[in-house]
Amino acid sequence: NACRMGGNNAKAAFWQPATYKRRDGEEPDNCAICQMAMEAEAPEEERGEGDVVQLSACGHFFHLPCLLQCVKDNHLKCPICGVHYGINVGNQPKGTMKVGRSSGSLPGYEGYGTITISYRLKSGTQGPQHYHPGMHYEGTSRTAYLPDCPEGRKVLHLLQVAWDRRLLFTVGRSITNETENCVVWNGIHHKTQTQGGEVEHGYPDPTYLSRVTEELASVGVT
């Protein structure tokens, strides 16, 4: 199944009722979620259940009951192309994000100052949205760096939006420490060193700002 999270309170603006009909000479498309036919003319044993709807922005077709499985807290990500509908909110534990600036430059960004981001997330008890509800989790403190240039300031703004939407951290297993039930990064890469290049999670890394912008866009932060 392409989607796991259920929900039945999606905004009507996400999709509209549609009649799927293949174009002459084209192979019929199946619903990408259930892999059953969407054509009304298809044999009954090959058809999926429920009405067909079309997503409003990207135009992809799905069976409505299948698509409802993909809605989580009034947010939907198209299973085919990844277009976001609504606001994606994660399960990041409570904490603080503080921003500082200094005059020193990062390798590759000489002439610009440095933005320092300090994250602090306290230990606590996992909620129903985490993978071990009711169990204790260990918090963490992390420091990250950005160049204080126009592109770096844009990334900072996007990271602040992602923080407010609880998307930067989650509770899980630390691959580095091989520890369960602790606060870990949630797929948005940060530069935690000022030097050492990409291998050491530092600078110089000329494509980092564009890569992290794409990662943020993949979770609906643009």
N, C-alpha and C. Protein backbone atom coordinates (compact mmCIF):
# COMPACT_ATOMS: atom_id res chain seq x y z
N ASN A 1 0.84 -1.19 0.00
CA ASN A 1 0.00 0.00 0.00
C ASN A 1 0.88 1.24 0.00
N ALA A 2 0.60 2.19 -0.88
CA ALA A 2 1.47 3.36 -1.03
C ALA A 2 1.36 4.31 0.14
N CYS A 3 0.26 4.26 0.91
CA CYS A 3 0.06 5.19 2.01
C CYS A 3 -0.43 4.42 3.22
N ARG A 4 -0.01 4.86 4.39
CA ARG A 4 -0.37 4.14 5.61
C ARG A 4 -1.30 4.93 6.52
N MET A 5 -1.15 6.26 6.54
CA MET A 5 -1.89 7.05 7.50
C MET A 5 -3.31 7.30 7.01
N GLY A 6 -4.28 7.12 7.89
CA GLY A 6 -5.67 7.34 7.52
C GLY A 6 -6.12 8.74 7.87
N GLY A 7 -7.31 9.08 7.39
CA GLY A 7 -7.89 10.37 7.70
C GLY A 7 -9.07 10.60 6.80
N ASN A 8 -10.14 11.25 7.32
CA ASN A 8 -11.31 11.49 6.50
C ASN A 8 -11.75 12.94 6.56
N ASN A 9 -10.86 13.85 7.01
CA ASN A 9 -11.23 15.25 7.15
C ASN A 9 -10.41 16.14 6.22
N ALA A 10 -10.03 15.61 5.06
CA ALA A 10 -9.25 16.41 4.12
C ALA A 10 -10.10 17.54 3.58
N LYS A 11 -9.45 18.64 3.23
CA LYS A 11 -10.15 19.76 2.63
C LYS A 11 -10.62 19.37 1.24
N ALA A 12 -11.85 19.79 0.91
CA ALA A 12 -12.41 19.45 -0.39
C ALA A 12 -11.58 20.03 -1.53
N ALA A 13 -10.81 21.09 -1.23
CA ALA A 13 -10.03 21.73 -2.29
C ALA A 13 -8.88 20.86 -2.76
N PHE A 14 -8.55 19.79 -2.05
CA PHE A 14 -7.46 18.93 -2.47
C PHE A 14 -7.79 18.22 -3.78
N TRP A 15 -9.05 17.88 -4.01
CA TRP A 15 -9.45 17.10 -5.17
C TRP A 15 -10.86 17.45 -5.59
N GLN A 16 -11.25 16.94 -6.75
CA GLN A 16 -12.62 17.08 -7.21
C GLN A 16 -13.05 15.76 -7.87
N PRO A 17 -14.35 15.47 -7.84
CA PRO A 17 -14.83 14.24 -8.49
C PRO A 17 -14.45 14.26 -9.96
N ALA A 18 -14.16 13.08 -10.49
CA ALA A 18 -13.72 13.00 -11.89
C ALA A 18 -14.13 11.66 -12.48
N THR A 19 -14.23 11.64 -13.77
CA THR A 19 -14.44 10.39 -14.49
C THR A 19 -13.17 10.09 -15.26
N TYR A 20 -12.49 9.04 -14.87
CA TYR A 20 -11.24 8.70 -15.54
C TYR A 20 -11.52 7.95 -16.82
N LYS A 21 -10.93 8.41 -17.90
CA LYS A 21 -11.07 7.73 -19.19
C LYS A 21 -9.73 7.80 -19.91
N ARG A 22 -9.24 6.65 -20.32
CA ARG A 22 -7.95 6.66 -21.01
C ARG A 22 -8.11 7.26 -22.41
N ARG A 23 -7.02 7.83 -22.91
CA ARG A 23 -7.02 8.37 -24.26
C ARG A 23 -6.84 7.25 -25.28
N ASP A 24 -7.36 7.48 -26.45
CA ASP A 24 -7.25 6.47 -27.51
C ASP A 24 -5.79 6.09 -27.74
N GLY A 25 -5.54 4.80 -27.80
CA GLY A 25 -4.20 4.32 -28.08
C GLY A 25 -3.31 4.20 -26.86
N GLU A 26 -3.77 4.66 -25.69
CA GLU A 26 -2.96 4.58 -24.47
C GLU A 26 -3.39 3.40 -23.63
N GLU A 27 -2.43 2.86 -22.89
CA GLU A 27 -2.75 1.81 -21.94
C GLU A 27 -3.50 2.43 -20.76
N PRO A 28 -4.49 1.74 -20.19
CA PRO A 28 -5.22 2.29 -19.04
C PRO A 28 -4.32 2.39 -17.82
N ASP A 29 -4.52 3.44 -17.03
CA ASP A 29 -3.76 3.61 -15.79
C ASP A 29 -4.52 2.96 -14.64
N ASN A 30 -3.77 2.35 -13.73
CA ASN A 30 -4.35 1.86 -12.50
C ASN A 30 -4.17 2.90 -11.41
N CYS A 31 -5.00 2.84 -10.40
CA CYS A 31 -4.80 3.67 -9.21
C CYS A 31 -3.43 3.31 -8.63
N ALA A 32 -2.58 4.32 -8.40
CA ALA A 32 -1.22 4.06 -7.92
C ALA A 32 -1.19 3.50 -6.51
N ILE A 33 -2.30 3.59 -5.80
CA ILE A 33 -2.33 3.12 -4.40
C ILE A 33 -2.76 1.66 -4.32
N CYS A 34 -3.90 1.33 -4.97
CA CYS A 34 -4.40 -0.04 -4.88
C CYS A 34 -4.03 -0.90 -6.08
N GLN A 35 -3.52 -0.25 -7.16
CA GLN A 35 -3.11 -0.95 -8.38
C GLN A 35 -4.29 -1.60 -9.11
N MET A 36 -5.51 -1.10 -8.86
CA MET A 36 -6.69 -1.58 -9.57
C MET A 36 -7.12 -0.53 -10.59
N ALA A 37 -7.89 -0.97 -11.59
CA ALA A 37 -8.29 -0.09 -12.68
C ALA A 37 -9.21 1.01 -12.21
N MET A 38 -9.11 2.17 -12.87
CA MET A 38 -9.98 3.31 -12.56
C MET A 38 -11.05 3.51 -13.62
N GLU A 39 -10.93 2.85 -14.74
CA GLU A 39 -11.90 3.01 -15.81
C GLU A 39 -13.23 2.37 -15.42
N ALA A 40 -14.31 3.11 -15.61
CA ALA A 40 -15.64 2.56 -15.33
C ALA A 40 -15.95 1.38 -16.24
N GLU A 41 -15.34 1.37 -17.45
CA GLU A 41 -15.61 0.31 -18.41
C GLU A 41 -14.80 -0.96 -18.14
N ALA A 42 -13.87 -0.90 -17.21
CA ALA A 42 -13.03 -2.06 -16.93
C ALA A 42 -13.87 -3.18 -16.32
N PRO A 43 -13.49 -4.44 -16.53
CA PRO A 43 -14.22 -5.54 -15.91
C PRO A 43 -14.29 -5.37 -14.39
N GLU A 44 -15.40 -5.79 -13.79
CA GLU A 44 -15.63 -5.56 -12.37
C GLU A 44 -14.51 -6.14 -11.51
N GLU A 45 -14.01 -7.32 -11.90
CA GLU A 45 -12.96 -7.96 -11.08
C GLU A 45 -11.63 -7.22 -11.16
N GLU A 46 -11.49 -6.29 -12.13
CA GLU A 46 -10.26 -5.52 -12.27
C GLU A 46 -10.38 -4.10 -11.73
N ARG A 47 -11.61 -3.70 -11.38
CA ARG A 47 -11.83 -2.33 -10.91
C ARG A 47 -11.62 -2.23 -9.42
N GLY A 48 -11.08 -1.08 -9.00
CA GLY A 48 -11.01 -0.78 -7.59
C GLY A 48 -12.35 -0.30 -7.08
N GLU A 49 -12.46 -0.12 -5.77
CA GLU A 49 -13.72 0.28 -5.16
C GLU A 49 -13.76 1.79 -4.95
N GLY A 50 -14.93 2.38 -5.11
CA GLY A 50 -15.11 3.78 -4.79
C GLY A 50 -14.99 4.69 -6.00
N ASP A 51 -15.43 5.94 -5.80
CA ASP A 51 -15.39 6.93 -6.85
C ASP A 51 -13.95 7.34 -7.17
N VAL A 52 -13.78 7.85 -8.38
CA VAL A 52 -12.48 8.37 -8.81
C VAL A 52 -12.46 9.88 -8.61
N VAL A 53 -11.33 10.39 -8.09
CA VAL A 53 -11.16 11.83 -7.92
C VAL A 53 -9.84 12.25 -8.57
N GLN A 54 -9.75 13.55 -8.88
CA GLN A 54 -8.55 14.11 -9.48
C GLN A 54 -7.98 15.18 -8.57
N LEU A 55 -6.69 15.09 -8.24
CA LEU A 55 -6.06 16.10 -7.39
C LEU A 55 -6.03 17.44 -8.10
N SER A 56 -6.29 18.51 -7.35
CA SER A 56 -6.53 19.82 -7.96
C SER A 56 -5.28 20.46 -8.54
N ALA A 57 -4.13 20.25 -7.95
CA ALA A 57 -2.92 20.94 -8.42
C ALA A 57 -2.14 20.13 -9.45
N CYS A 58 -1.92 18.84 -9.18
CA CYS A 58 -1.08 18.04 -10.08
C CYS A 58 -1.89 17.25 -11.09
N GLY A 59 -3.18 17.06 -10.84
CA GLY A 59 -4.03 16.42 -11.83
C GLY A 59 -4.02 14.91 -11.83
N HIS A 60 -3.40 14.25 -10.86
CA HIS A 60 -3.38 12.80 -10.84
C HIS A 60 -4.69 12.22 -10.32
N PHE A 61 -5.04 11.04 -10.84
CA PHE A 61 -6.30 10.38 -10.50
C PHE A 61 -6.06 9.26 -9.49
N PHE A 62 -7.04 9.08 -8.58
CA PHE A 62 -7.01 7.98 -7.60
C PHE A 62 -8.44 7.61 -7.24
N HIS A 63 -8.60 6.43 -6.67
CA HIS A 63 -9.87 6.12 -6.02
C HIS A 63 -9.96 6.92 -4.72
N LEU A 64 -11.11 7.49 -4.45
CA LEU A 64 -11.26 8.31 -3.25
C LEU A 64 -10.97 7.53 -1.96
N PRO A 65 -11.49 6.31 -1.77
CA PRO A 65 -11.16 5.59 -0.53
C PRO A 65 -9.65 5.35 -0.38
N CYS A 66 -8.97 5.12 -1.50
CA CYS A 66 -7.52 4.93 -1.43
C CYS A 66 -6.82 6.21 -1.01
N LEU A 67 -7.25 7.33 -1.60
CA LEU A 67 -6.60 8.61 -1.30
C LEU A 67 -6.83 9.02 0.14
N LEU A 68 -7.99 8.70 0.69
CA LEU A 68 -8.27 9.07 2.08
C LEU A 68 -7.30 8.40 3.04
N GLN A 69 -6.76 7.25 2.65
CA GLN A 69 -5.77 6.58 3.49
C GLN A 69 -4.48 7.39 3.60
N CYS A 70 -4.26 8.28 2.64
CA CYS A 70 -3.02 9.05 2.58
C CYS A 70 -3.10 10.39 3.30
N VAL A 71 -4.30 10.74 3.77
CA VAL A 71 -4.48 12.04 4.41
C VAL A 71 -4.13 11.93 5.89
N LYS A 72 -3.30 12.84 6.35
CA LYS A 72 -2.92 12.87 7.76
C LYS A 72 -3.03 14.30 8.25
N ASP A 73 -3.94 14.53 9.20
CA ASP A 73 -4.09 15.86 9.81
C ASP A 73 -4.22 16.96 8.76
N ASN A 74 -5.15 16.75 7.82
CA ASN A 74 -5.40 17.74 6.77
C ASN A 74 -4.18 18.04 5.91
N HIS A 75 -3.33 17.05 5.74
CA HIS A 75 -2.18 17.17 4.83
C HIS A 75 -2.14 15.95 3.94
N LEU A 76 -1.82 16.19 2.67
CA LEU A 76 -1.72 15.11 1.70
C LEU A 76 -0.52 15.36 0.80
N LYS A 77 0.24 14.31 0.55
CA LYS A 77 1.34 14.35 -0.41
C LYS A 77 0.98 13.39 -1.54
N CYS A 78 0.91 13.90 -2.76
CA CYS A 78 0.53 13.05 -3.89
C CYS A 78 1.45 11.83 -3.95
N PRO A 79 0.89 10.62 -3.95
CA PRO A 79 1.73 9.41 -3.99
C PRO A 79 2.52 9.26 -5.28
N ILE A 80 2.15 10.00 -6.33
CA ILE A 80 2.85 9.87 -7.61
C ILE A 80 3.95 10.90 -7.76
N CYS A 81 3.63 12.19 -7.55
CA CYS A 81 4.60 13.25 -7.86
C CYS A 81 5.11 14.00 -6.63
N GLY A 82 4.47 13.80 -5.47
CA GLY A 82 4.96 14.43 -4.26
C GLY A 82 4.47 15.84 -4.00
N VAL A 83 3.55 16.36 -4.82
CA VAL A 83 3.00 17.69 -4.56
C VAL A 83 2.25 17.67 -3.23
N HIS A 84 2.44 18.72 -2.43
CA HIS A 84 1.83 18.79 -1.11
C HIS A 84 0.53 19.58 -1.16
N TYR A 85 -0.45 19.09 -0.41
CA TYR A 85 -1.73 19.77 -0.22
C TYR A 85 -1.92 19.97 1.29
N GLY A 86 -2.20 21.22 1.68
CA GLY A 86 -2.28 21.51 3.11
C GLY A 86 -0.90 21.68 3.71
N ILE A 87 -0.83 21.70 5.04
CA ILE A 87 0.43 21.92 5.76
C ILE A 87 0.86 20.63 6.45
N ASN A 88 2.07 20.22 6.16
CA ASN A 88 2.65 19.02 6.76
C ASN A 88 3.17 19.34 8.15
N VAL A 89 2.68 18.64 9.16
CA VAL A 89 3.12 18.83 10.54
C VAL A 89 3.69 17.52 11.06
N GLY A 90 4.88 17.56 11.65
CA GLY A 90 5.54 16.36 12.13
C GLY A 90 5.29 16.09 13.59
N ASN A 91 6.14 15.25 14.19
CA ASN A 91 5.98 14.85 15.60
C ASN A 91 7.20 15.24 16.43
N GLN A 92 7.91 16.27 16.00
CA GLN A 92 9.10 16.74 16.71
C GLN A 92 8.75 17.09 18.16
N PRO A 93 9.53 16.60 19.12
CA PRO A 93 9.28 16.96 20.52
C PRO A 93 9.52 18.46 20.78
N LYS A 94 9.04 18.92 21.91
CA LYS A 94 9.20 20.33 22.26
C LYS A 94 10.67 20.66 22.50
N GLY A 95 11.04 21.90 22.18
CA GLY A 95 12.41 22.33 22.38
C GLY A 95 12.58 23.78 21.99
N THR A 96 13.82 24.19 21.83
CA THR A 96 14.12 25.57 21.45
C THR A 96 15.07 25.60 20.26
N MET A 97 14.91 26.61 19.42
CA MET A 97 15.80 26.87 18.29
C MET A 97 16.26 28.31 18.41
N LYS A 98 17.56 28.50 18.63
CA LYS A 98 18.10 29.84 18.80
C LYS A 98 19.11 30.13 17.69
N VAL A 99 19.11 31.37 17.21
CA VAL A 99 19.96 31.77 16.09
C VAL A 99 20.92 32.86 16.54
N GLY A 100 22.20 32.69 16.22
CA GLY A 100 23.22 33.70 16.50
C GLY A 100 24.03 33.99 15.24
N ARG A 101 24.77 35.08 15.28
CA ARG A 101 25.60 35.46 14.14
C ARG A 101 26.98 35.88 14.62
N SER A 102 27.96 35.59 13.76
CA SER A 102 29.34 36.00 14.05
C SER A 102 29.98 36.48 12.77
N SER A 103 31.11 37.17 12.89
CA SER A 103 31.76 37.78 11.73
C SER A 103 32.66 36.82 10.97
N GLY A 104 33.05 35.72 11.59
CA GLY A 104 33.94 34.77 10.92
C GLY A 104 33.27 34.11 9.73
N SER A 105 34.08 33.72 8.74
CA SER A 105 33.55 33.13 7.51
C SER A 105 33.71 31.62 7.49
N LEU A 106 32.80 30.95 6.82
CA LEU A 106 32.90 29.51 6.58
C LEU A 106 33.70 29.27 5.30
N PRO A 107 34.47 28.17 5.22
CA PRO A 107 35.20 27.87 3.99
C PRO A 107 34.27 27.81 2.79
N GLY A 108 34.65 28.54 1.74
CA GLY A 108 33.81 28.62 0.57
C GLY A 108 32.89 29.82 0.56
N TYR A 109 32.79 30.51 1.69
CA TYR A 109 31.91 31.69 1.79
C TYR A 109 32.68 32.86 2.42
N GLU A 110 33.91 33.02 1.97
CA GLU A 110 34.74 34.11 2.47
C GLU A 110 34.06 35.45 2.15
N GLY A 111 34.12 36.34 3.08
CA GLY A 111 33.48 37.64 2.92
C GLY A 111 32.11 37.72 3.56
N TYR A 112 31.59 36.57 3.98
CA TYR A 112 30.30 36.54 4.67
C TYR A 112 30.50 36.06 6.11
N GLY A 113 29.63 36.50 6.99
CA GLY A 113 29.64 36.01 8.36
C GLY A 113 29.04 34.61 8.45
N THR A 114 28.86 34.15 9.68
CA THR A 114 28.36 32.80 9.93
C THR A 114 27.10 32.87 10.79
N ILE A 115 26.10 32.10 10.40
CA ILE A 115 24.89 31.92 11.19
C ILE A 115 25.04 30.64 12.00
N THR A 116 24.82 30.73 13.29
CA THR A 116 24.88 29.56 14.17
C THR A 116 23.48 29.26 14.70
N ILE A 117 23.04 28.03 14.51
CA ILE A 117 21.73 27.60 14.99
C ILE A 117 21.93 26.61 16.13
N SER A 118 21.32 26.88 17.25
CA SER A 118 21.43 26.01 18.42
C SER A 118 20.06 25.39 18.71
N TYR A 119 20.00 24.08 18.65
CA TYR A 119 18.77 23.35 18.96
C TYR A 119 18.92 22.68 20.32
N ARG A 120 17.86 22.72 21.10
CA ARG A 120 17.87 21.99 22.36
C ARG A 120 16.50 21.34 22.55
N LEU A 121 16.49 20.04 22.68
CA LEU A 121 15.26 19.29 22.88
C LEU A 121 15.41 18.43 24.12
N LYS A 122 14.57 18.66 25.10
CA LYS A 122 14.68 17.98 26.39
C LYS A 122 14.15 16.55 26.30
N SER A 123 14.58 15.73 27.25
CA SER A 123 14.05 14.37 27.37
C SER A 123 12.59 14.43 27.80
N GLY A 124 11.87 13.35 27.54
CA GLY A 124 10.45 13.33 27.91
C GLY A 124 9.85 11.96 27.66
N THR A 125 8.52 11.95 27.55
CA THR A 125 7.77 10.72 27.32
C THR A 125 7.15 10.75 25.93
N GLN A 126 7.28 9.69 25.20
CA GLN A 126 6.76 9.64 23.85
C GLN A 126 5.24 9.69 23.84
N GLY A 127 4.70 10.48 22.90
CA GLY A 127 3.26 10.61 22.76
C GLY A 127 2.70 9.59 21.79
N PRO A 128 1.39 9.64 21.55
CA PRO A 128 0.76 8.65 20.65
C PRO A 128 1.25 8.75 19.22
N GLN A 129 1.86 9.88 18.84
CA GLN A 129 2.36 10.04 17.47
C GLN A 129 3.74 9.45 17.28
N HIS A 130 4.39 8.99 18.37
CA HIS A 130 5.73 8.42 18.28
C HIS A 130 5.66 6.90 18.19
N TYR A 131 6.82 6.28 17.96
CA TYR A 131 6.80 4.85 17.66
C TYR A 131 6.77 3.96 18.89
N HIS A 132 7.04 4.49 20.09
CA HIS A 132 6.90 3.74 21.34
C HIS A 132 6.15 4.59 22.36
N PRO A 133 4.85 4.82 22.14
CA PRO A 133 4.07 5.69 23.04
C PRO A 133 4.19 5.27 24.50
N GLY A 134 4.37 6.27 25.35
CA GLY A 134 4.46 6.01 26.78
C GLY A 134 5.86 5.74 27.28
N MET A 135 6.80 5.47 26.38
CA MET A 135 8.17 5.19 26.79
C MET A 135 8.99 6.47 26.87
N HIS A 136 10.01 6.45 27.70
CA HIS A 136 10.91 7.60 27.85
C HIS A 136 11.76 7.76 26.60
N TYR A 137 12.07 9.01 26.25
CA TYR A 137 13.04 9.27 25.18
C TYR A 137 14.08 10.26 25.68
N GLU A 138 15.29 10.12 25.14
CA GLU A 138 16.39 11.00 25.50
C GLU A 138 16.43 12.21 24.57
N GLY A 139 16.59 13.38 25.15
CA GLY A 139 16.68 14.60 24.36
C GLY A 139 18.06 14.78 23.76
N THR A 140 18.28 15.93 23.13
CA THR A 140 19.56 16.18 22.50
C THR A 140 19.79 17.68 22.36
N SER A 141 21.04 18.05 22.17
CA SER A 141 21.42 19.42 21.82
C SER A 141 22.28 19.34 20.56
N ARG A 142 21.97 20.16 19.57
CA ARG A 142 22.71 20.15 18.31
C ARG A 142 23.02 21.59 17.90
N THR A 143 24.15 21.77 17.23
CA THR A 143 24.55 23.07 16.70
C THR A 143 24.82 22.93 15.21
N ALA A 144 24.31 23.87 14.44
CA ALA A 144 24.47 23.82 12.98
C ALA A 144 24.90 25.19 12.48
N TYR A 145 25.47 25.20 11.26
CA TYR A 145 26.06 26.44 10.73
C TYR A 145 25.61 26.68 9.29
N LEU A 146 25.38 27.96 9.01
CA LEU A 146 25.04 28.41 7.66
C LEU A 146 25.85 29.66 7.34
N PRO A 147 26.18 29.88 6.07
CA PRO A 147 26.81 31.15 5.70
C PRO A 147 25.78 32.27 5.75
N ASP A 148 26.19 33.43 6.24
CA ASP A 148 25.28 34.57 6.36
C ASP A 148 25.24 35.34 5.04
N CYS A 149 24.91 34.62 3.97
CA CYS A 149 24.78 35.19 2.64
C CYS A 149 23.30 35.13 2.26
N PRO A 150 22.89 35.72 1.15
CA PRO A 150 21.46 35.67 0.79
C PRO A 150 20.89 34.26 0.74
N GLU A 151 21.62 33.33 0.13
CA GLU A 151 21.13 31.95 0.05
C GLU A 151 21.06 31.29 1.42
N GLY A 152 22.06 31.57 2.25
CA GLY A 152 22.06 31.01 3.60
C GLY A 152 20.93 31.55 4.44
N ARG A 153 20.62 32.84 4.29
CA ARG A 153 19.52 33.43 5.05
C ARG A 153 18.18 32.87 4.60
N LYS A 154 18.06 32.55 3.30
CA LYS A 154 16.84 31.91 2.81
C LYS A 154 16.67 30.53 3.44
N VAL A 155 17.76 29.75 3.49
CA VAL A 155 17.70 28.43 4.10
C VAL A 155 17.34 28.55 5.58
N LEU A 156 17.90 29.54 6.27
CA LEU A 156 17.56 29.76 7.68
C LEU A 156 16.06 29.97 7.84
N HIS A 157 15.47 30.80 6.99
CA HIS A 157 14.03 31.03 7.07
C HIS A 157 13.25 29.73 6.87
N LEU A 158 13.66 28.93 5.88
CA LEU A 158 12.97 27.67 5.64
C LEU A 158 13.13 26.72 6.83
N LEU A 159 14.30 26.69 7.43
CA LEU A 159 14.51 25.84 8.61
C LEU A 159 13.64 26.30 9.78
N GLN A 160 13.45 27.61 9.92
CA GLN A 160 12.59 28.11 10.99
C GLN A 160 11.14 27.70 10.76
N VAL A 161 10.70 27.73 9.49
CA VAL A 161 9.36 27.25 9.16
C VAL A 161 9.24 25.76 9.48
N ALA A 162 10.24 24.98 9.08
CA ALA A 162 10.23 23.54 9.34
C ALA A 162 10.24 23.25 10.84
N TRP A 163 10.97 24.06 11.60
CA TRP A 163 10.97 23.90 13.06
C TRP A 163 9.58 24.15 13.63
N ASP A 164 8.94 25.22 13.19
CA ASP A 164 7.60 25.54 13.68
C ASP A 164 6.59 24.45 13.32
N ARG A 165 6.84 23.76 12.20
CA ARG A 165 5.95 22.67 11.79
C ARG A 165 6.37 21.32 12.36
N ARG A 166 7.39 21.32 13.20
CA ARG A 166 7.84 20.12 13.92
C ARG A 166 8.36 19.04 12.97
N LEU A 167 9.17 19.47 12.00
CA LEU A 167 9.65 18.56 10.96
C LEU A 167 11.14 18.24 11.04
N LEU A 168 11.91 18.95 11.84
CA LEU A 168 13.36 18.79 11.81
C LEU A 168 13.87 17.60 12.62
N PHE A 169 13.17 17.25 13.67
CA PHE A 169 13.58 16.14 14.54
C PHE A 169 12.41 15.20 14.73
N THR A 170 12.73 13.98 15.17
CA THR A 170 11.71 13.02 15.56
C THR A 170 12.30 12.15 16.67
N VAL A 171 11.53 11.21 17.14
CA VAL A 171 12.03 10.24 18.12
C VAL A 171 12.23 8.92 17.39
N GLY A 172 13.41 8.34 17.54
CA GLY A 172 13.70 7.10 16.83
C GLY A 172 14.97 6.46 17.32
N ARG A 173 15.66 5.83 16.39
CA ARG A 173 16.91 5.13 16.70
C ARG A 173 18.08 5.90 16.13
N SER A 174 19.07 6.17 16.97
CA SER A 174 20.28 6.85 16.54
C SER A 174 21.21 5.84 15.88
N ILE A 175 21.46 6.05 14.57
CA ILE A 175 22.40 5.17 13.86
C ILE A 175 23.81 5.38 14.38
N THR A 176 24.14 6.63 14.71
CA THR A 176 25.49 6.95 15.19
C THR A 176 25.80 6.26 16.51
N ASN A 177 24.85 6.37 17.46
CA ASN A 177 25.09 5.81 18.80
C ASN A 177 24.47 4.44 18.99
N GLU A 178 23.72 3.94 17.98
CA GLU A 178 23.01 2.67 18.09
C GLU A 178 22.15 2.64 19.34
N THR A 179 21.40 3.74 19.55
CA THR A 179 20.56 3.90 20.72
C THR A 179 19.11 4.08 20.29
N GLU A 180 18.20 3.37 20.95
CA GLU A 180 16.78 3.51 20.68
C GLU A 180 16.16 4.63 21.53
N ASN A 181 15.00 5.10 21.11
CA ASN A 181 14.19 6.03 21.88
C ASN A 181 14.95 7.31 22.23
N CYS A 182 15.43 7.98 21.21
CA CYS A 182 16.12 9.25 21.43
C CYS A 182 15.75 10.21 20.29
N VAL A 183 15.99 11.49 20.52
CA VAL A 183 15.70 12.51 19.51
C VAL A 183 16.76 12.42 18.43
N VAL A 184 16.32 12.34 17.18
CA VAL A 184 17.24 12.21 16.04
C VAL A 184 16.81 13.18 14.95
N TRP A 185 17.74 13.45 14.03
CA TRP A 185 17.39 14.24 12.85
C TRP A 185 16.29 13.54 12.06
N ASN A 186 15.51 14.33 11.33
CA ASN A 186 14.35 13.77 10.61
C ASN A 186 14.49 13.94 9.10
N GLY A 187 15.71 13.81 8.58
CA GLY A 187 15.91 13.78 7.14
C GLY A 187 16.32 15.09 6.50
N ILE A 188 16.36 16.18 7.27
CA ILE A 188 16.82 17.46 6.75
C ILE A 188 18.26 17.64 7.21
N HIS A 189 19.21 17.56 6.28
CA HIS A 189 20.62 17.56 6.65
C HIS A 189 21.08 18.95 7.10
N HIS A 190 21.89 18.95 8.15
CA HIS A 190 22.48 20.17 8.70
C HIS A 190 24.01 20.05 8.67
N LYS A 191 24.64 21.20 8.62
CA LYS A 191 26.10 21.25 8.74
C LYS A 191 26.45 21.46 10.21
N THR A 192 26.94 20.41 10.84
CA THR A 192 27.24 20.47 12.27
C THR A 192 28.71 20.77 12.56
N GLN A 193 29.50 20.94 11.49
CA GLN A 193 30.90 21.33 11.62
C GLN A 193 31.15 22.53 10.70
N THR A 194 32.11 23.36 11.08
CA THR A 194 32.44 24.51 10.22
C THR A 194 33.46 24.15 9.15
N GLN A 195 34.19 23.07 9.35
CA GLN A 195 35.23 22.66 8.40
C GLN A 195 35.12 21.16 8.13
N GLY A 196 35.96 20.68 7.24
CA GLY A 196 36.01 19.24 6.96
C GLY A 196 35.30 18.80 5.71
N GLY A 197 34.56 19.70 5.08
CA GLY A 197 33.89 19.34 3.84
C GLY A 197 32.67 18.46 4.05
N GLU A 198 32.12 17.98 2.95
CA GLU A 198 30.88 17.21 3.00
C GLU A 198 31.02 15.95 3.84
N VAL A 199 32.15 15.28 3.76
CA VAL A 199 32.34 14.02 4.47
C VAL A 199 32.22 14.21 5.98
N GLU A 200 32.68 15.36 6.49
CA GLU A 200 32.65 15.63 7.93
C GLU A 200 31.46 16.51 8.32
N HIS A 201 30.47 16.61 7.43
CA HIS A 201 29.28 17.43 7.68
C HIS A 201 29.65 18.89 7.91
N GLY A 202 30.64 19.34 7.14
CA GLY A 202 31.10 20.72 7.28
C GLY A 202 31.26 21.40 5.93
N TYR A 203 31.99 22.47 5.93
CA TYR A 203 32.27 23.26 4.73
C TYR A 203 33.75 23.10 4.35
N PRO A 204 34.12 23.31 3.07
CA PRO A 204 33.29 23.75 1.95
C PRO A 204 32.43 22.63 1.39
N ASP A 205 31.27 23.02 0.87
CA ASP A 205 30.35 22.09 0.22
C ASP A 205 29.46 22.95 -0.68
N PRO A 206 29.90 23.18 -1.91
CA PRO A 206 29.24 24.18 -2.76
C PRO A 206 27.80 23.89 -3.12
N THR A 207 27.34 22.65 -3.01
CA THR A 207 25.96 22.34 -3.39
C THR A 207 25.04 22.13 -2.18
N TYR A 208 25.56 22.33 -0.97
CA TYR A 208 24.75 22.04 0.22
C TYR A 208 23.47 22.87 0.29
N LEU A 209 23.57 24.18 0.07
CA LEU A 209 22.39 25.02 0.23
C LEU A 209 21.28 24.64 -0.75
N SER A 210 21.64 24.27 -1.96
CA SER A 210 20.62 23.83 -2.92
C SER A 210 20.05 22.47 -2.53
N ARG A 211 20.90 21.58 -2.00
CA ARG A 211 20.41 20.25 -1.60
C ARG A 211 19.45 20.34 -0.43
N VAL A 212 19.79 21.13 0.57
CA VAL A 212 18.91 21.21 1.74
C VAL A 212 17.61 21.94 1.39
N THR A 213 17.68 22.86 0.43
CA THR A 213 16.45 23.51 -0.04
C THR A 213 15.52 22.48 -0.68
N GLU A 214 16.09 21.55 -1.45
CA GLU A 214 15.29 20.48 -2.06
C GLU A 214 14.73 19.54 -1.00
N GLU A 215 15.52 19.23 0.03
CA GLU A 215 15.02 18.38 1.11
C GLU A 215 13.84 19.04 1.82
N LEU A 216 13.93 20.32 2.06
CA LEU A 216 12.84 21.04 2.71
C LEU A 216 11.60 21.07 1.83
N ALA A 217 11.80 21.26 0.53
CA ALA A 217 10.68 21.26 -0.39
C ALA A 217 9.98 19.90 -0.41
N SER A 218 10.75 18.83 -0.21
CA SER A 218 10.17 17.47 -0.25
C SER A 218 9.20 17.23 0.90
N VAL A 219 9.30 18.03 1.98
CA VAL A 219 8.35 17.91 3.10
C VAL A 219 7.37 19.07 3.12
N GLY A 220 7.32 19.83 2.01
CA GLY A 220 6.31 20.87 1.88
C GLY A 220 6.72 22.24 2.36
N VAL A 221 8.01 22.46 2.62
CA VAL A 221 8.48 23.76 3.10
C VAL A 221 9.18 24.46 1.95
N THR A 222 8.57 25.52 1.42
CA THR A 222 9.11 26.23 0.27
C THR A 222 9.05 27.73 0.49
